[in-house]
PDB file of N, CA and C in Angstrom:
ATOM      1  N   MET A   1       0.666  -1.317   0.261  1.00  0.00           N
ATOM      2  CA  MET A   1      -0.128   0.097  -0.330  1.00  0.00           C
ATOM      3  C   MET A   1       0.800   1.209   0.614  1.00  0.00           C
ATOM      4  N   SER A   2       0.205   1.992  -0.770  1.00  0.00           N
ATOM      5  CA  SER A   2       1.368   3.732  -0.519  1.00  0.00           C
ATOM      6  C   SER A   2       0.648   4.603  -0.552  1.00  0.00           C
ATOM      7  N   VAL A   3       1.408   5.595   0.556  1.00  0.00           N
ATOM      8  CA  VAL A   3       0.828   6.655   1.219  1.00  0.00           C
ATOM      9  C   VAL A   3       1.192   7.888  -0.592  1.00  0.00           C
ATOM     10  N   GLU A   4      -0.105   8.417  -0.472  1.00  0.00           N
ATOM     11  CA  GLU A   4       0.953  10.126  -0.781  1.00  0.00           C
ATOM     12  C   GLU A   4      -0.030  11.302  -0.779  1.00  0.00           C
ATOM     13  N   ILE A   5       0.426  12.169   0.046  1.00  0.00           N
ATOM     14  CA  ILE A   5       0.681  13.192   0.627  1.00  0.00           C
ATOM     15  C   ILE A   5       0.652  14.408  -0.288  1.00  0.00           C
ATOM     16  N   LEU A   6      -0.926  15.162  -0.353  1.00  0.00           N
ATOM     17  CA  LEU A   6      -1.252  15.916  -1.136  1.00  0.00           C
ATOM     18  C   LEU A   6      -1.113  18.036  -0.392  1.00  0.00           C
ATOM     19  N   ASP A   7      -0.737  18.387  -0.375  1.00  0.00           N
ATOM     20  CA  ASP A   7      -0.405  19.852   0.181  1.00  0.00           C
ATOM     21  C   ASP A   7      -1.039  20.035  -0.402  1.00  0.00           C
ATOM     22  N   GLY A   8      -1.761  22.296  -0.242  1.00  0.00           N
ATOM     23  CA  GLY A   8      -3.446  22.227  -0.735  1.00  0.00           C
ATOM     24  C   GLY A   8      -3.279  22.214  -2.008  1.00  0.00           C
ATOM     25  N   ALA A   9      -1.971  23.248  -1.984  1.00  0.00           N
ATOM     26  CA  ALA A   9      -1.811  24.451  -3.547  1.00  0.00           C
ATOM     27  C   ALA A   9      -0.977  23.014  -4.627  1.00  0.00           C
ATOM     28  N   THR A  10      -0.409  21.565  -4.171  1.00  0.00           N
ATOM     29  CA  THR A  10      -1.131  20.814  -5.356  1.00  0.00           C
ATOM     30  C   THR A  10      -2.097  21.044  -5.907  1.00  0.00           C
ATOM     31  N   ILE A  11      -3.626  20.231  -4.749  1.00  0.00           N
ATOM     32  CA  ILE A  11      -4.606  20.072  -4.946  1.00  0.00           C
ATOM     33  C   ILE A  11      -5.189  21.411  -5.946  1.00  0.00           C
ATOM     34  N   VAL A  12      -5.246  22.666  -5.590  1.00  0.00           N
ATOM     35  CA  VAL A  12      -5.369  23.684  -6.651  1.00  0.00           C
ATOM     36  C   VAL A  12      -4.548  23.868  -8.026  1.00  0.00           C
ATOM     37  N   ASN A  13      -3.544  23.358  -8.192  1.00  0.00           N
ATOM     38  CA  ASN A  13      -3.046  23.205  -9.228  1.00  0.00           C
ATOM     39  C   ASN A  13      -3.919  22.518 -10.123  1.00  0.00           C
ATOM     40  N   PHE A  14      -4.016  20.906  -9.685  1.00  0.00           N
ATOM     41  CA  PHE A  14      -4.926  19.860 -10.497  1.00  0.00           C
ATOM     42  C   PHE A  14      -6.107  20.607 -10.704  1.00  0.00           C
ATOM     43  N   LEU A  15      -6.631  21.572  -9.667  1.00  0.00           N
ATOM     44  CA  LEU A  15      -7.900  21.391 -10.289  1.00  0.00           C
ATOM     45  C   LEU A  15      -7.991  22.647 -10.869  1.00  0.00           C
ATOM     46  N   GLU A  16      -7.082  23.613 -10.710  1.00  0.00           N
ATOM     47  CA  GLU A  16      -7.361  25.252 -12.199  1.00  0.00           C
ATOM     48  C   GLU A  16      -6.680  24.161 -13.455  1.00  0.00           C
ATOM     49  N   ASP A  17      -6.596  23.009 -13.310  1.00  0.00           N
ATOM     50  CA  ASP A  17      -5.558  22.990 -15.172  1.00  0.00           C
ATOM     51  C   ASP A  17      -6.806  21.630 -15.413  1.00  0.00           C
ATOM     52  N   GLU A  18      -7.759  22.550 -16.155  1.00  0.00           N
ATOM     53  CA  GLU A  18      -8.743  21.962 -16.683  1.00  0.00           C
ATOM     54  C   GLU A  18      -8.593  20.112 -17.543  1.00  0.00           C
ATOM     55  N   GLU A  19      -8.003  20.677 -18.782  1.00  0.00           N
ATOM     56  CA  GLU A  19      -7.241  19.101 -19.229  1.00  0.00           C
ATOM     57  C   GLU A  19      -6.903  18.100 -18.779  1.00  0.00           C
ATOM     58  N   ALA A  20      -6.149  18.397 -17.783  1.00  0.00           N
ATOM     59  CA  ALA A  20      -5.728  17.185 -16.020  1.00  0.00           C
ATOM     60  C   ALA A  20      -6.758  16.601 -15.779  1.00  0.00           C
ATOM     61  N   PHE A  21      -7.946  17.781 -14.891  1.00  0.00           N
ATOM     62  CA  PHE A  21      -8.752  17.450 -13.937  1.00  0.00           C
ATOM     63  C   PHE A  21     -10.092  16.200 -15.104  1.00  0.00           C
ATOM     64  N   ASN A  22     -10.156  17.151 -16.638  1.00  0.00           N
ATOM     65  CA  ASN A  22     -11.569  16.710 -16.784  1.00  0.00           C
ATOM     66  C   ASN A  22     -10.589  15.146 -17.517  1.00  0.00           C
ATOM     67  N   ALA A  23      -9.180  15.556 -18.000  1.00  0.00           N
ATOM     68  CA  ALA A  23      -8.270  13.373 -17.919  1.00  0.00           C
ATOM     69  C   ALA A  23      -8.858  12.806 -16.816  1.00  0.00           C
ATOM     70  N   GLN A  24      -8.735  13.095 -15.769  1.00  0.00           N
ATOM     71  CA  GLN A  24      -8.671  12.086 -14.680  1.00  0.00           C
ATOM     72  C   GLN A  24     -10.911  11.838 -14.128  1.00  0.00           C
ATOM     73  N   ILE A  25     -10.839  12.815 -14.096  1.00  0.00           N
ATOM     74  CA  ILE A  25     -12.756  12.411 -13.928  1.00  0.00           C
ATOM     75  C   ILE A  25     -13.147  11.580 -15.407  1.00  0.00           C
ATOM     76  N   CYS A  26     -12.776  11.500 -16.749  1.00  0.00           N
ATOM     77  CA  CYS A  26     -13.250  11.013 -18.067  1.00  0.00           C
ATOM     78  C   CYS A  26     -12.546   9.320 -17.354  1.00  0.00           C
ATOM     79  N   ASP A  27     -11.342   9.382 -17.048  1.00  0.00           N
ATOM     80  CA  ASP A  27     -10.860   7.770 -16.551  1.00  0.00           C
ATOM     81  C   ASP A  27     -10.962   6.870 -15.456  1.00  0.00           C
ATOM     82  N   ARG A  28     -11.801   7.823 -14.470  1.00  0.00           N
ATOM     83  CA  ARG A  28     -11.728   7.302 -13.146  1.00  0.00           C
ATOM     84  C   ARG A  28     -13.687   7.087 -14.130  1.00  0.00           C
ATOM     85  N   PHE A  29     -14.147   7.396 -14.099  1.00  0.00           N
ATOM     86  CA  PHE A  29     -15.741   7.661 -14.474  1.00  0.00           C
ATOM     87  C   PHE A  29     -15.514   6.305 -15.552  1.00  0.00           C
ATOM     88  N   ALA A  30     -14.720   5.581 -16.398  1.00  0.00           N
ATOM     89  CA  ALA A  30     -14.737   4.788 -17.480  1.00  0.00           C
ATOM     90  C   ALA A  30     -14.424   3.203 -16.233  1.00  0.00           C
ATOM     91  N   HIS A  31     -13.045   4.144 -15.720  1.00  0.00           N
ATOM     92  CA  HIS A  31     -12.520   2.492 -15.137  1.00  0.00           C
ATOM     93  C   HIS A  31     -14.534   2.098 -13.987  1.00  0.00           C
ATOM     94  N   LEU A  32     -14.641   2.877 -13.186  1.00  0.00           N
ATOM     95  CA  LEU A  32     -16.068   2.564 -12.448  1.00  0.00           C
ATOM     96  C   LEU A  32     -17.216   2.081 -13.081  1.00  0.00           C
ATOM     97  N   ASP A  33     -17.859   2.797 -14.669  1.00  0.00           N
ATOM     98  CA  ASP A  33     -18.395   1.904 -15.329  1.00  0.00           C
ATOM     99  C   ASP A  33     -18.271   0.509 -16.251  1.00  0.00           C
ATOM    100  N   SER A  34     -18.819  -0.234 -14.587  1.00  0.00           N
ATOM    101  CA  SER A  34     -18.403  -1.420 -15.835  1.00  0.00           C
ATOM    102  C   SER A  34     -18.624  -2.307 -16.973  1.00  0.00           C
ATOM    103  N   ASP A  35     -20.080  -1.574 -16.742  1.00  0.00           N
ATOM    104  CA  ASP A  35     -21.062  -2.523 -17.892  1.00  0.00           C
ATOM    105  C   ASP A  35     -20.544  -1.496 -19.152  1.00  0.00           C
ATOM    106  N   HIS A  36     -19.928   0.155 -19.352  1.00  0.00           N
ATOM    107  CA  HIS A  36     -19.781   0.950 -21.094  1.00  0.00           C
ATOM    108  C   HIS A  36     -22.196   0.882 -20.452  1.00  0.00           C
ATOM    109  N   ASP A  37     -22.685   1.763 -19.627  1.00  0.00           N
ATOM    110  CA  ASP A  37     -23.544   2.083 -20.531  1.00  0.00           C
ATOM    111  C   ASP A  37     -23.456   3.797 -20.435  1.00  0.00           C
ATOM    112  N   GLY A  38     -22.591   4.282 -19.883  1.00  0.00           N
ATOM    113  CA  GLY A  38     -22.354   5.721 -19.394  1.00  0.00           C
ATOM    114  C   GLY A  38     -23.727   5.992 -18.007  1.00  0.00           C
ATOM    115  N   ARG A  39     -23.990   5.901 -17.680  1.00  0.00           N
ATOM    116  CA  ARG A  39     -24.318   5.844 -16.290  1.00  0.00           C
ATOM    117  C   ARG A  39     -23.180   4.810 -15.337  1.00  0.00           C
ATOM    118  N   LEU A  40     -23.564   5.484 -13.536  1.00  0.00           N
ATOM    119  CA  LEU A  40     -23.159   4.820 -12.497  1.00  0.00           C
ATOM    120  C   LEU A  40     -24.185   4.120 -11.916  1.00  0.00           C
ATOM    121  N   SER A  41     -24.285   2.636 -11.565  1.00  0.00           N
ATOM    122  CA  SER A  41     -25.113   2.187 -11.175  1.00  0.00           C
ATOM    123  C   SER A  41     -24.918   2.278  -9.316  1.00  0.00           C
ATOM    124  N   TYR A  42     -25.525   1.768  -8.687  1.00  0.00           N
ATOM    125  CA  TYR A  42     -25.801   2.352  -7.271  1.00  0.00           C
ATOM    126  C   TYR A  42     -24.891   0.749  -7.094  1.00  0.00           C
ATOM    127  N   GLY A  43     -24.797  -0.140  -7.271  1.00  0.00           N
ATOM    128  CA  GLY A  43     -23.649  -0.906  -7.343  1.00  0.00           C
ATOM    129  C   GLY A  43     -21.994  -1.451  -7.785  1.00  0.00           C
ATOM    130  N   GLU A  44     -21.996  -0.801  -9.398  1.00  0.00           N
ATOM    131  CA  GLU A  44     -20.724   0.301  -9.518  1.00  0.00           C
ATOM    132  C   GLU A  44     -20.427   1.409  -8.568  1.00  0.00           C
ATOM    133  N   MET A  45     -20.908   1.947  -7.786  1.00  0.00           N
ATOM    134  CA  MET A  45     -20.728   3.448  -6.906  1.00  0.00           C
ATOM    135  C   MET A  45     -20.691   2.808  -5.645  1.00  0.00           C
ATOM    136  N   LEU A  46     -20.870   1.637  -4.668  1.00  0.00           N
ATOM    137  CA  LEU A  46     -20.538   1.019  -3.862  1.00  0.00           C
ATOM    138  C   LEU A  46     -19.468   0.416  -3.585  1.00  0.00           C
ATOM    139  N   LYS A  47     -18.785   0.109  -4.453  1.00  0.00           N
ATOM    140  CA  LYS A  47     -17.386  -1.156  -4.630  1.00  0.00           C
ATOM    141  C   LYS A  47     -16.672   0.365  -5.210  1.00  0.00           C
ATOM    142  N   GLU A  48     -16.879   1.683  -5.747  1.00  0.00           N
ATOM    143  CA  GLU A  48     -15.798   2.724  -4.878  1.00  0.00           C
ATOM    144  C   GLU A  48     -16.277   3.248  -3.512  1.00  0.00           C
ATOM    145  N   LEU A  49     -16.963   3.826  -3.415  1.00  0.00           N
ATOM    146  CA  LEU A  49     -17.389   4.108  -1.090  1.00  0.00           C
ATOM    147  C   LEU A  49     -16.714   3.336  -0.526  1.00  0.00           C
ATOM    148  N   GLN A  50     -16.382   1.777  -0.605  1.00  0.00           N
ATOM    149  CA  GLN A  50     -16.220   0.879   0.001  1.00  0.00           C
ATOM    150  C   GLN A  50     -14.539   0.960  -0.015  1.00  0.00           C
ATOM    151  N   CYS A  51     -13.830   1.072  -1.188  1.00  0.00           N
ATOM    152  CA  CYS A  51     -12.297   1.205  -1.124  1.00  0.00           C
ATOM    153  C   CYS A  51     -11.447   2.725  -0.988  1.00  0.00           C
ATOM    154  N   LEU A  52     -13.326   3.129  -1.054  1.00  0.00           N
ATOM    155  CA  LEU A  52     -12.397   4.698  -0.352  1.00  0.00           C
ATOM    156  C   LEU A  52     -12.444   4.800   0.952  1.00  0.00           C
ATOM    157  N   ARG A  53     -13.853   3.828   1.627  1.00  0.00           N
ATOM    158  CA  ARG A  53     -13.926   3.570   3.077  1.00  0.00           C
ATOM    159  C   ARG A  53     -15.329   4.499   3.350  1.00  0.00           C
ATOM    160  N   LEU A  54     -15.638   4.715   2.662  1.00  0.00           N
ATOM    161  CA  LEU A  54     -16.612   5.535   3.018  1.00  0.00           C
ATOM    162  C   LEU A  54     -17.695   5.272   3.416  1.00  0.00           C
ATOM    163  N   LEU A  55     -17.776   3.527   2.700  1.00  0.00           N
ATOM    164  CA  LEU A  55     -18.448   2.577   3.427  1.00  0.00           C
ATOM    165  C   LEU A  55     -17.677   1.467   3.584  1.00  0.00           C
ATOM    166  N   GLU A  56     -18.503   1.200   5.817  1.00  0.00           N
ATOM    167  CA  GLU A  56     -17.796   0.232   5.826  1.00  0.00           C
ATOM    168  C   GLU A  56     -18.432  -1.230   5.303  1.00  0.00           C
ATOM    169  N   THR A  57     -17.485  -2.549   5.041  1.00  0.00           N
ATOM    170  CA  THR A  57     -18.292  -4.110   5.315  1.00  0.00           C
ATOM    171  C   THR A  57     -18.081  -4.569   6.121  1.00  0.00           C
ATOM    172  N   HIS A  58     -18.911  -5.284   6.696  1.00  0.00           N
ATOM    173  CA  HIS A  58     -18.622  -6.483   8.046  1.00  0.00           C
ATOM    174  C   HIS A  58     -19.044  -7.783   7.061  1.00  0.00           C
ATOM    175  N   PHE A  59     -18.100  -8.228   6.227  1.00  0.00           N
ATOM    176  CA  PHE A  59     -18.339  -9.995   6.041  1.00  0.00           C
ATOM    177  C   PHE A  59     -19.690  -9.969   5.020  1.00  0.00           C
ATOM    178  N   GLY A  60     -19.288  -8.619   4.252  1.00  0.00           N
ATOM    179  CA  GLY A  60     -19.718  -8.568   3.147  1.00  0.00           C
ATOM    180  C   GLY A  60     -21.231  -7.273   3.287  1.00  0.00           C
ATOM    181  N   LEU A  61     -21.212  -7.504   4.287  1.00  0.00           N
ATOM    182  CA  LEU A  61     -22.531  -6.616   4.199  1.00  0.00           C
ATOM    183  C   LEU A  61     -22.834  -5.552   4.507  1.00  0.00           C
ATOM    184  N   ILE A  62     -23.480  -4.276   4.132  1.00  0.00           N
ATOM    185  CA  ILE A  62     -22.735  -2.983   4.875  1.00  0.00           C
ATOM    186  C   ILE A  62     -23.978  -2.813   5.991  1.00  0.00           C
ATOM    187  N   ASN A  63     -22.622  -1.628   6.358  1.00  0.00           N
ATOM    188  CA  ASN A  63     -23.150  -1.606   7.909  1.00  0.00           C
ATOM    189  C   ASN A  63     -23.948   0.166   7.716  1.00  0.00           C
ATOM    190  N   SER A  64     -25.015  -0.167   7.269  1.00  0.00           N
ATOM    191  CA  SER A  64     -26.354   0.301   7.546  1.00  0.00           C
ATOM    192  C   SER A  64     -26.444   1.966   8.473  1.00  0.00           C
ATOM    193  N   THR A  65     -25.098   2.136   9.714  1.00  0.00           N
ATOM    194  CA  THR A  65     -25.044   3.029  10.554  1.00  0.00           C
ATOM    195  C   THR A  65     -25.008   4.507   9.329  1.00  0.00           C
ATOM    196  N   SER A  66     -23.328   3.170   8.211  1.00  0.00           N
ATOM    197  CA  SER A  66     -22.735   3.475   7.528  1.00  0.00           C
ATOM    198  C   SER A  66     -23.185   4.579   6.588  1.00  0.00           C
ATOM    199  N   ILE A  67     -24.603   3.986   5.972  1.00  0.00           N
ATOM    200  CA  ILE A  67     -25.007   4.253   4.565  1.00  0.00           C
ATOM    201  C   ILE A  67     -25.741   5.476   5.431  1.00  0.00           C
ATOM    202  N   THR A  68     -26.514   6.468   6.408  1.00  0.00           N
ATOM    203  CA  THR A  68     -27.546   6.533   7.084  1.00  0.00           C
ATOM    204  C   THR A  68     -26.542   7.768   7.203  1.00  0.00           C
ATOM    205  N   LEU A  69     -25.361   7.891   7.947  1.00  0.00           N
ATOM    206  CA  LEU A  69     -24.667   8.929   8.083  1.00  0.00           C
ATOM    207  C   LEU A  69     -24.166   9.905   6.447  1.00  0.00           C
ATOM    208  N   TYR A  70     -23.560   8.954   5.210  1.00  0.00           N
ATOM    209  CA  TYR A  70     -23.119   9.837   4.311  1.00  0.00           C
ATOM    210  C   TYR A  70     -24.403   9.834   4.051  1.00  0.00           C
ATOM    211  N   MET A  71     -25.455   9.461   3.585  1.00  0.00           N
ATOM    212  CA  MET A  71     -26.919   9.637   2.977  1.00  0.00           C
ATOM    213  C   MET A  71     -27.318  11.040   3.560  1.00  0.00           C
ATOM    214  N   THR A  72     -26.587  11.638   4.213  1.00  0.00           N
ATOM    215  CA  THR A  72     -27.091  12.848   5.483  1.00  0.00           C
ATOM    216  C   THR A  72     -26.566  13.552   6.030  1.00  0.00           C
ATOM    217  N   HIS A  73     -25.489  13.450   4.888  1.00  0.00           N
ATOM    218  CA  HIS A  73     -24.109  14.698   4.619  1.00  0.00           C
ATOM    219  C   HIS A  73     -24.245  15.334   3.058  1.00  0.00           C
TER     220      HIS A  73
END
């Protein structure tokens, strides 16, 4: 597992570089859109949210508290 540390200036520069930002978003969307229908289903997004640890799972079951907290913020 690698760890990357980004400072504020790096993030701002990336966001202001419209070409680089759009390319990254398009690449990430294409990666997530596993059925290539141009839309992200709940299942496709769920995998990413779990990967980012925004939704936790326990033995393959979604922790409903995590969903409630995520959906209300």
